[in-house]
Amino acid sequence: MSFCGLTTESRHCNFIKIFPARIIFLDQINLPFTTLVLKDSPIHGKGLHTTVNINEGDIIGPARVLGKRTQLGRWINHSKNPNAYVDRGVGDDLFVVALRPIMGSHGGITGEEITIDYEATRRLNNIVTGK
C-alpha cells in the first residue's frame, strides 16, 4: 500500500488558498494534501478530486486523526457507488482507502472525485467511538 498525497510541508498544500490562516475549524486537524484539490462537485457543493492516479487498496489519506477530522474527512462526498471506503487505523483514527483504481487529472481534465458510502462509514464510526 502507498500513502497518497500526505505531507506536513504546508508550502506544498493545495488547501492554503482555500483555507487561509484566519479560518479555523475547531473540530479539524489540518493535514495538507498535495494530490487532492477541493473543487465544485456534481454530487453536492464542493468535493475532493485527485490529481494523480490511485490504485485499488492505496491509502488515500486520513479522515480522522486524534479524534479530529482532516480536510479529507470534512470534504469527502457520499455516493451509492463509491470509489473509496473508510477503514480503521490505530485507536480512533480513520483512513480513506481506494476501492478501485481512481483516475487522476490528465490533459487538463479534473481527476475523479473521491467518494465514500456515508452509511458504512457511520457504522464504522459508531464501532470505533462506542456510540
N, C-alpha and C. Protein backbone atom coordinates (compact mmCIF):
# COMPACT_ATOMS: atom_id res chain seq x y z
N MET A 1 0.83 -1.19 0.00
CA MET A 1 0.00 0.00 0.00
C MET A 1 0.87 1.24 0.00
N SER A 2 0.41 2.26 -0.68
CA SER A 2 1.12 3.53 -0.62
C SER A 2 0.27 4.52 0.15
N PHE A 3 0.88 5.61 0.55
CA PHE A 3 0.19 6.65 1.30
C PHE A 3 0.17 7.88 0.43
N CYS A 4 -0.91 8.07 -0.32
CA CYS A 4 -1.00 9.10 -1.36
C CYS A 4 -1.17 10.50 -0.78
N GLY A 5 -0.27 11.39 -1.14
CA GLY A 5 -0.53 12.82 -1.02
C GLY A 5 -0.36 13.50 0.31
N LEU A 6 -0.06 12.80 1.39
CA LEU A 6 0.03 13.47 2.67
C LEU A 6 1.42 14.04 2.87
N THR A 7 1.46 15.29 3.28
CA THR A 7 2.74 15.91 3.59
C THR A 7 2.54 16.87 4.74
N THR A 8 3.57 17.08 5.51
CA THR A 8 3.49 18.06 6.60
C THR A 8 4.07 19.40 6.18
N GLU A 9 4.52 19.50 4.95
CA GLU A 9 5.09 20.75 4.45
C GLU A 9 3.98 21.58 3.81
N SER A 10 3.49 22.58 4.54
CA SER A 10 2.33 23.34 4.08
C SER A 10 2.58 24.12 2.80
N ARG A 11 3.84 24.38 2.44
CA ARG A 11 4.09 25.13 1.20
C ARG A 11 3.65 24.34 -0.03
N HIS A 12 3.45 23.03 0.12
CA HIS A 12 3.00 22.19 -0.99
C HIS A 12 1.50 21.94 -0.93
N CYS A 13 0.81 22.64 -0.10
CA CYS A 13 -0.59 22.34 0.18
C CYS A 13 -1.55 23.07 -0.75
N ASN A 14 -2.41 22.32 -1.43
CA ASN A 14 -3.44 22.92 -2.26
C ASN A 14 -4.51 23.63 -1.43
N PHE A 15 -4.59 23.34 -0.15
CA PHE A 15 -5.61 23.94 0.70
C PHE A 15 -5.23 25.33 1.19
N ILE A 16 -3.98 25.74 1.03
CA ILE A 16 -3.55 27.05 1.52
C ILE A 16 -4.41 28.16 0.93
N LYS A 17 -4.71 28.11 -0.36
CA LYS A 17 -5.52 29.13 -1.00
C LYS A 17 -6.97 29.06 -0.54
N ILE A 18 -7.41 27.86 -0.20
CA ILE A 18 -8.81 27.66 0.19
C ILE A 18 -9.01 27.93 1.67
N PHE A 19 -8.04 27.56 2.49
CA PHE A 19 -8.15 27.72 3.93
C PHE A 19 -7.07 28.67 4.43
N PRO A 20 -7.25 29.98 4.25
CA PRO A 20 -6.25 30.90 4.79
C PRO A 20 -6.18 30.78 6.31
N ALA A 21 -5.10 31.20 6.89
CA ALA A 21 -4.85 31.03 8.33
C ALA A 21 -5.97 31.60 9.19
N ARG A 22 -6.70 32.58 8.72
CA ARG A 22 -7.75 33.19 9.55
C ARG A 22 -8.99 32.31 9.69
N ILE A 23 -9.12 31.26 8.88
CA ILE A 23 -10.25 30.35 9.00
C ILE A 23 -9.81 29.14 9.82
N ILE A 24 -10.51 28.90 10.93
CA ILE A 24 -10.14 27.80 11.80
C ILE A 24 -11.37 26.92 12.03
N PHE A 25 -11.21 25.61 11.80
CA PHE A 25 -12.24 24.64 12.11
C PHE A 25 -11.81 23.96 13.40
N LEU A 26 -12.55 24.18 14.48
CA LEU A 26 -12.14 23.68 15.78
C LEU A 26 -12.17 22.15 15.86
N ASP A 27 -13.00 21.52 15.04
CA ASP A 27 -13.08 20.06 15.07
C ASP A 27 -12.19 19.43 14.00
N GLN A 28 -11.29 20.19 13.43
CA GLN A 28 -10.48 19.69 12.32
C GLN A 28 -9.00 19.83 12.61
N ILE A 29 -8.24 18.82 12.23
CA ILE A 29 -6.79 18.87 12.27
C ILE A 29 -6.33 19.13 10.84
N ASN A 30 -5.48 20.09 10.64
CA ASN A 30 -5.06 20.47 9.29
C ASN A 30 -3.83 19.67 8.86
N LEU A 31 -4.07 18.68 8.00
CA LEU A 31 -3.01 17.88 7.40
C LEU A 31 -3.08 18.13 5.90
N PRO A 32 -2.17 18.89 5.35
CA PRO A 32 -2.24 19.23 3.93
C PRO A 32 -2.01 18.03 3.01
N PHE A 33 -2.70 18.04 1.89
CA PHE A 33 -2.56 17.02 0.85
C PHE A 33 -2.04 17.68 -0.41
N THR A 34 -1.13 17.03 -1.10
CA THR A 34 -0.60 17.59 -2.35
C THR A 34 -1.30 16.99 -3.56
N THR A 35 -1.99 15.88 -3.39
CA THR A 35 -2.58 15.20 -4.55
C THR A 35 -4.10 15.27 -4.57
N LEU A 36 -4.70 16.08 -3.69
CA LEU A 36 -6.14 16.26 -3.66
C LEU A 36 -6.44 17.75 -3.75
N VAL A 37 -7.44 18.11 -4.56
CA VAL A 37 -7.84 19.51 -4.67
C VAL A 37 -9.34 19.62 -4.41
N LEU A 38 -9.73 20.70 -3.76
CA LEU A 38 -11.12 20.97 -3.48
C LEU A 38 -11.71 21.75 -4.66
N LYS A 39 -12.75 21.18 -5.26
CA LYS A 39 -13.39 21.80 -6.43
C LYS A 39 -14.90 21.63 -6.33
N ASP A 40 -15.62 22.32 -7.22
CA ASP A 40 -17.06 22.13 -7.29
C ASP A 40 -17.35 20.67 -7.58
N SER A 41 -18.40 20.16 -6.92
CA SER A 41 -18.77 18.76 -7.08
C SER A 41 -20.12 18.63 -7.78
N PRO A 42 -20.23 17.70 -8.73
CA PRO A 42 -21.53 17.45 -9.33
C PRO A 42 -22.47 16.72 -8.36
N ILE A 43 -21.90 16.21 -7.26
CA ILE A 43 -22.70 15.48 -6.27
C ILE A 43 -23.34 16.46 -5.29
N HIS A 44 -22.50 17.32 -4.68
CA HIS A 44 -23.00 18.28 -3.68
C HIS A 44 -21.91 19.29 -3.35
N GLY A 45 -22.19 20.54 -3.53
CA GLY A 45 -21.28 21.61 -3.11
C GLY A 45 -19.87 21.45 -3.62
N LYS A 46 -18.96 21.21 -2.71
CA LYS A 46 -17.55 21.01 -3.02
C LYS A 46 -17.19 19.55 -2.76
N GLY A 47 -16.11 19.11 -3.42
CA GLY A 47 -15.63 17.75 -3.22
C GLY A 47 -14.14 17.69 -3.49
N LEU A 48 -13.51 16.63 -3.02
CA LEU A 48 -12.09 16.44 -3.22
C LEU A 48 -11.85 15.59 -4.46
N HIS A 49 -11.01 16.10 -5.35
CA HIS A 49 -10.66 15.42 -6.60
C HIS A 49 -9.18 15.08 -6.57
N THR A 50 -8.81 13.93 -7.12
CA THR A 50 -7.42 13.53 -7.13
C THR A 50 -6.69 14.08 -8.35
N THR A 51 -5.44 14.44 -8.15
CA THR A 51 -4.61 14.93 -9.26
C THR A 51 -3.70 13.83 -9.79
N VAL A 52 -3.66 12.68 -9.10
CA VAL A 52 -2.82 11.55 -9.51
C VAL A 52 -3.67 10.29 -9.58
N ASN A 53 -3.21 9.30 -10.34
CA ASN A 53 -3.90 8.01 -10.36
C ASN A 53 -3.68 7.31 -9.03
N ILE A 54 -4.74 6.69 -8.53
CA ILE A 54 -4.68 5.96 -7.27
C ILE A 54 -5.06 4.51 -7.56
N ASN A 55 -4.29 3.59 -7.04
CA ASN A 55 -4.55 2.17 -7.25
C ASN A 55 -5.50 1.61 -6.21
N GLU A 56 -6.21 0.54 -6.58
CA GLU A 56 -7.07 -0.16 -5.64
C GLU A 56 -6.23 -0.56 -4.42
N GLY A 57 -6.76 -0.30 -3.23
CA GLY A 57 -6.07 -0.64 -2.00
C GLY A 57 -5.14 0.41 -1.46
N ASP A 58 -4.84 1.46 -2.25
CA ASP A 58 -3.98 2.54 -1.76
C ASP A 58 -4.70 3.32 -0.66
N ILE A 59 -3.94 3.71 0.36
CA ILE A 59 -4.47 4.61 1.38
C ILE A 59 -4.42 6.01 0.79
N ILE A 60 -5.57 6.63 0.65
CA ILE A 60 -5.65 7.98 0.09
C ILE A 60 -5.23 8.99 1.13
N GLY A 61 -5.60 8.77 2.37
CA GLY A 61 -5.20 9.65 3.46
C GLY A 61 -6.07 9.46 4.68
N PRO A 62 -5.74 10.14 5.76
CA PRO A 62 -6.53 10.02 6.98
C PRO A 62 -7.80 10.86 6.90
N ALA A 63 -8.90 10.31 7.42
CA ALA A 63 -10.16 11.04 7.52
C ALA A 63 -10.32 11.63 8.92
N ARG A 64 -9.75 10.92 9.91
CA ARG A 64 -9.79 11.41 11.29
C ARG A 64 -8.50 10.99 11.99
N VAL A 65 -7.90 11.95 12.69
CA VAL A 65 -6.67 11.71 13.43
C VAL A 65 -6.82 12.34 14.82
N LEU A 66 -6.51 11.56 15.84
CA LEU A 66 -6.58 12.06 17.23
C LEU A 66 -7.95 12.66 17.55
N GLY A 67 -9.00 12.03 17.01
CA GLY A 67 -10.36 12.47 17.30
C GLY A 67 -10.84 13.67 16.49
N LYS A 68 -10.02 14.18 15.58
CA LYS A 68 -10.41 15.33 14.77
C LYS A 68 -10.42 14.97 13.29
N ARG A 69 -11.38 15.56 12.57
CA ARG A 69 -11.44 15.33 11.13
C ARG A 69 -10.29 16.03 10.42
N THR A 70 -9.93 15.46 9.28
CA THR A 70 -8.97 16.12 8.39
C THR A 70 -9.78 16.77 7.27
N GLN A 71 -9.11 17.46 6.36
CA GLN A 71 -9.81 18.02 5.21
C GLN A 71 -10.47 16.90 4.40
N LEU A 72 -9.81 15.76 4.30
CA LEU A 72 -10.39 14.62 3.59
C LEU A 72 -11.67 14.17 4.28
N GLY A 73 -11.66 14.08 5.58
CA GLY A 73 -12.86 13.71 6.33
C GLY A 73 -13.97 14.74 6.24
N ARG A 74 -13.61 16.00 6.11
CA ARG A 74 -14.62 17.07 6.04
C ARG A 74 -15.25 17.18 4.66
N TRP A 75 -14.48 17.06 3.59
CA TRP A 75 -14.96 17.39 2.25
C TRP A 75 -15.30 16.21 1.36
N ILE A 76 -15.17 14.99 1.84
CA ILE A 76 -15.48 13.82 1.01
C ILE A 76 -16.99 13.67 0.91
N ASN A 77 -17.49 13.40 -0.28
CA ASN A 77 -18.93 13.29 -0.52
C ASN A 77 -19.38 11.83 -0.57
N HIS A 78 -20.69 11.65 -0.41
CA HIS A 78 -21.33 10.33 -0.43
C HIS A 78 -21.68 9.90 -1.85
N SER A 79 -21.57 8.60 -2.07
CA SER A 79 -22.04 8.01 -3.31
C SER A 79 -22.55 6.61 -3.01
N LYS A 80 -23.62 6.20 -3.72
CA LYS A 80 -24.11 4.82 -3.60
C LYS A 80 -23.17 3.88 -4.35
N ASN A 81 -22.32 4.44 -5.20
CA ASN A 81 -21.32 3.68 -5.93
C ASN A 81 -19.95 4.32 -5.66
N PRO A 82 -19.46 4.20 -4.41
CA PRO A 82 -18.22 4.91 -4.03
C PRO A 82 -16.98 4.32 -4.67
N ASN A 83 -15.92 5.13 -4.73
CA ASN A 83 -14.64 4.64 -5.22
C ASN A 83 -13.64 4.44 -4.08
N ALA A 84 -14.10 4.70 -2.84
CA ALA A 84 -13.24 4.55 -1.67
C ALA A 84 -14.09 4.12 -0.47
N TYR A 85 -13.42 3.70 0.59
CA TYR A 85 -14.10 3.36 1.83
C TYR A 85 -13.24 3.83 2.99
N VAL A 86 -13.84 3.89 4.17
CA VAL A 86 -13.12 4.30 5.36
C VAL A 86 -12.77 3.06 6.16
N ASP A 87 -11.51 2.99 6.62
CA ASP A 87 -11.04 1.85 7.38
C ASP A 87 -10.45 2.34 8.70
N ARG A 88 -10.46 1.48 9.67
CA ARG A 88 -9.96 1.81 11.00
C ARG A 88 -8.44 1.79 11.03
N GLY A 89 -7.88 2.79 11.69
CA GLY A 89 -6.43 2.84 11.89
C GLY A 89 -6.14 2.50 13.34
N VAL A 90 -5.16 3.16 13.93
CA VAL A 90 -4.80 2.96 15.33
C VAL A 90 -5.74 3.80 16.19
N GLY A 91 -6.21 3.25 17.29
CA GLY A 91 -7.12 3.98 18.17
C GLY A 91 -8.40 4.33 17.43
N ASP A 92 -8.77 5.61 17.44
CA ASP A 92 -9.98 6.01 16.72
C ASP A 92 -9.66 6.72 15.41
N ASP A 93 -8.43 6.57 14.93
CA ASP A 93 -8.06 7.15 13.63
C ASP A 93 -8.76 6.38 12.51
N LEU A 94 -9.18 7.12 11.48
CA LEU A 94 -9.85 6.52 10.32
C LEU A 94 -9.12 6.94 9.05
N PHE A 95 -8.98 6.02 8.11
CA PHE A 95 -8.29 6.28 6.85
C PHE A 95 -9.19 5.99 5.67
N VAL A 96 -9.03 6.74 4.59
CA VAL A 96 -9.76 6.52 3.36
C VAL A 96 -8.88 5.68 2.44
N VAL A 97 -9.47 4.58 1.93
CA VAL A 97 -8.75 3.61 1.10
C VAL A 97 -9.49 3.45 -0.22
N ALA A 98 -8.76 3.34 -1.32
CA ALA A 98 -9.37 3.19 -2.65
C ALA A 98 -9.99 1.80 -2.81
N LEU A 99 -11.25 1.76 -3.22
CA LEU A 99 -11.95 0.51 -3.52
C LEU A 99 -11.57 -0.04 -4.89
N ARG A 100 -11.20 0.86 -5.76
CA ARG A 100 -10.88 0.52 -7.14
C ARG A 100 -9.89 1.56 -7.65
N PRO A 101 -9.31 1.34 -8.83
CA PRO A 101 -8.44 2.39 -9.38
C PRO A 101 -9.23 3.69 -9.58
N ILE A 102 -8.61 4.81 -9.23
CA ILE A 102 -9.25 6.13 -9.34
C ILE A 102 -8.37 6.98 -10.26
N MET A 103 -8.99 7.54 -11.30
CA MET A 103 -8.27 8.29 -12.32
C MET A 103 -7.94 9.70 -11.84
N GLY A 104 -6.66 10.08 -11.99
CA GLY A 104 -6.21 11.41 -11.64
C GLY A 104 -6.39 12.39 -12.79
N SER A 105 -5.98 13.62 -12.58
CA SER A 105 -6.06 14.65 -13.62
C SER A 105 -5.20 14.25 -14.81
N HIS A 106 -5.68 14.59 -16.01
CA HIS A 106 -4.89 14.34 -17.23
C HIS A 106 -5.40 15.25 -18.34
N GLY A 107 -4.50 15.80 -19.10
CA GLY A 107 -4.86 16.64 -20.24
C GLY A 107 -5.78 17.80 -19.88
N GLY A 108 -5.60 18.37 -18.70
CA GLY A 108 -6.43 19.50 -18.28
C GLY A 108 -7.79 19.10 -17.73
N ILE A 109 -8.07 17.80 -17.68
CA ILE A 109 -9.34 17.30 -17.15
C ILE A 109 -9.16 16.98 -15.68
N THR A 110 -10.08 17.45 -14.85
CA THR A 110 -10.04 17.20 -13.42
C THR A 110 -10.14 15.71 -13.14
N GLY A 111 -9.37 15.25 -12.16
CA GLY A 111 -9.44 13.85 -11.75
C GLY A 111 -10.76 13.53 -11.06
N GLU A 112 -10.96 12.24 -10.83
CA GLU A 112 -12.20 11.79 -10.21
C GLU A 112 -12.35 12.35 -8.80
N GLU A 113 -13.60 12.56 -8.42
CA GLU A 113 -13.90 12.97 -7.06
C GLU A 113 -13.83 11.72 -6.16
N ILE A 114 -13.23 11.88 -4.99
CA ILE A 114 -13.17 10.78 -4.02
C ILE A 114 -14.51 10.72 -3.31
N THR A 115 -15.12 9.53 -3.28
CA THR A 115 -16.43 9.36 -2.65
C THR A 115 -16.43 8.12 -1.76
N ILE A 116 -17.29 8.16 -0.74
CA ILE A 116 -17.47 7.02 0.16
C ILE A 116 -18.96 6.80 0.37
N ASP A 117 -19.31 5.68 0.97
CA ASP A 117 -20.69 5.38 1.38
C ASP A 117 -20.83 5.87 2.82
N TYR A 118 -21.59 6.94 3.04
CA TYR A 118 -21.73 7.51 4.38
C TYR A 118 -22.28 6.51 5.39
N GLU A 119 -23.24 5.69 4.99
CA GLU A 119 -23.86 4.76 5.94
C GLU A 119 -22.84 3.75 6.46
N ALA A 120 -22.03 3.18 5.58
CA ALA A 120 -20.99 2.24 6.02
C ALA A 120 -19.99 2.95 6.93
N THR A 121 -19.66 4.18 6.63
CA THR A 121 -18.73 4.95 7.44
C THR A 121 -19.32 5.26 8.80
N ARG A 122 -20.61 5.59 8.84
CA ARG A 122 -21.30 5.87 10.11
C ARG A 122 -21.26 4.64 11.01
N ARG A 123 -21.50 3.46 10.45
CA ARG A 123 -21.46 2.22 11.24
C ARG A 123 -20.07 2.01 11.82
N LEU A 124 -19.03 2.20 11.01
CA LEU A 124 -17.65 2.04 11.49
C LEU A 124 -17.35 3.06 12.58
N ASN A 125 -17.75 4.29 12.37
CA ASN A 125 -17.51 5.35 13.36
C ASN A 125 -18.16 4.99 14.69
N ASN A 126 -19.37 4.44 14.67
CA ASN A 126 -20.06 4.05 15.89
C ASN A 126 -19.33 2.93 16.60
N ILE A 127 -18.75 2.00 15.85
CA ILE A 127 -17.98 0.93 16.45
C ILE A 127 -16.71 1.49 17.09
N VAL A 128 -16.01 2.36 16.39
CA VAL A 128 -14.75 2.93 16.87
C VAL A 128 -14.96 3.79 18.10
N THR A 129 -15.99 4.63 18.09
CA THR A 129 -16.20 5.55 19.21
C THR A 129 -17.07 4.97 20.31
N GLY A 130 -17.69 3.81 20.05
CA GLY A 130 -18.54 3.17 21.05
C GLY A 130 -19.88 3.86 21.25
N LYS A 131 -20.33 4.60 20.24
CA LYS A 131 -21.61 5.31 20.34
C LYS A 131 -22.72 4.54 19.67
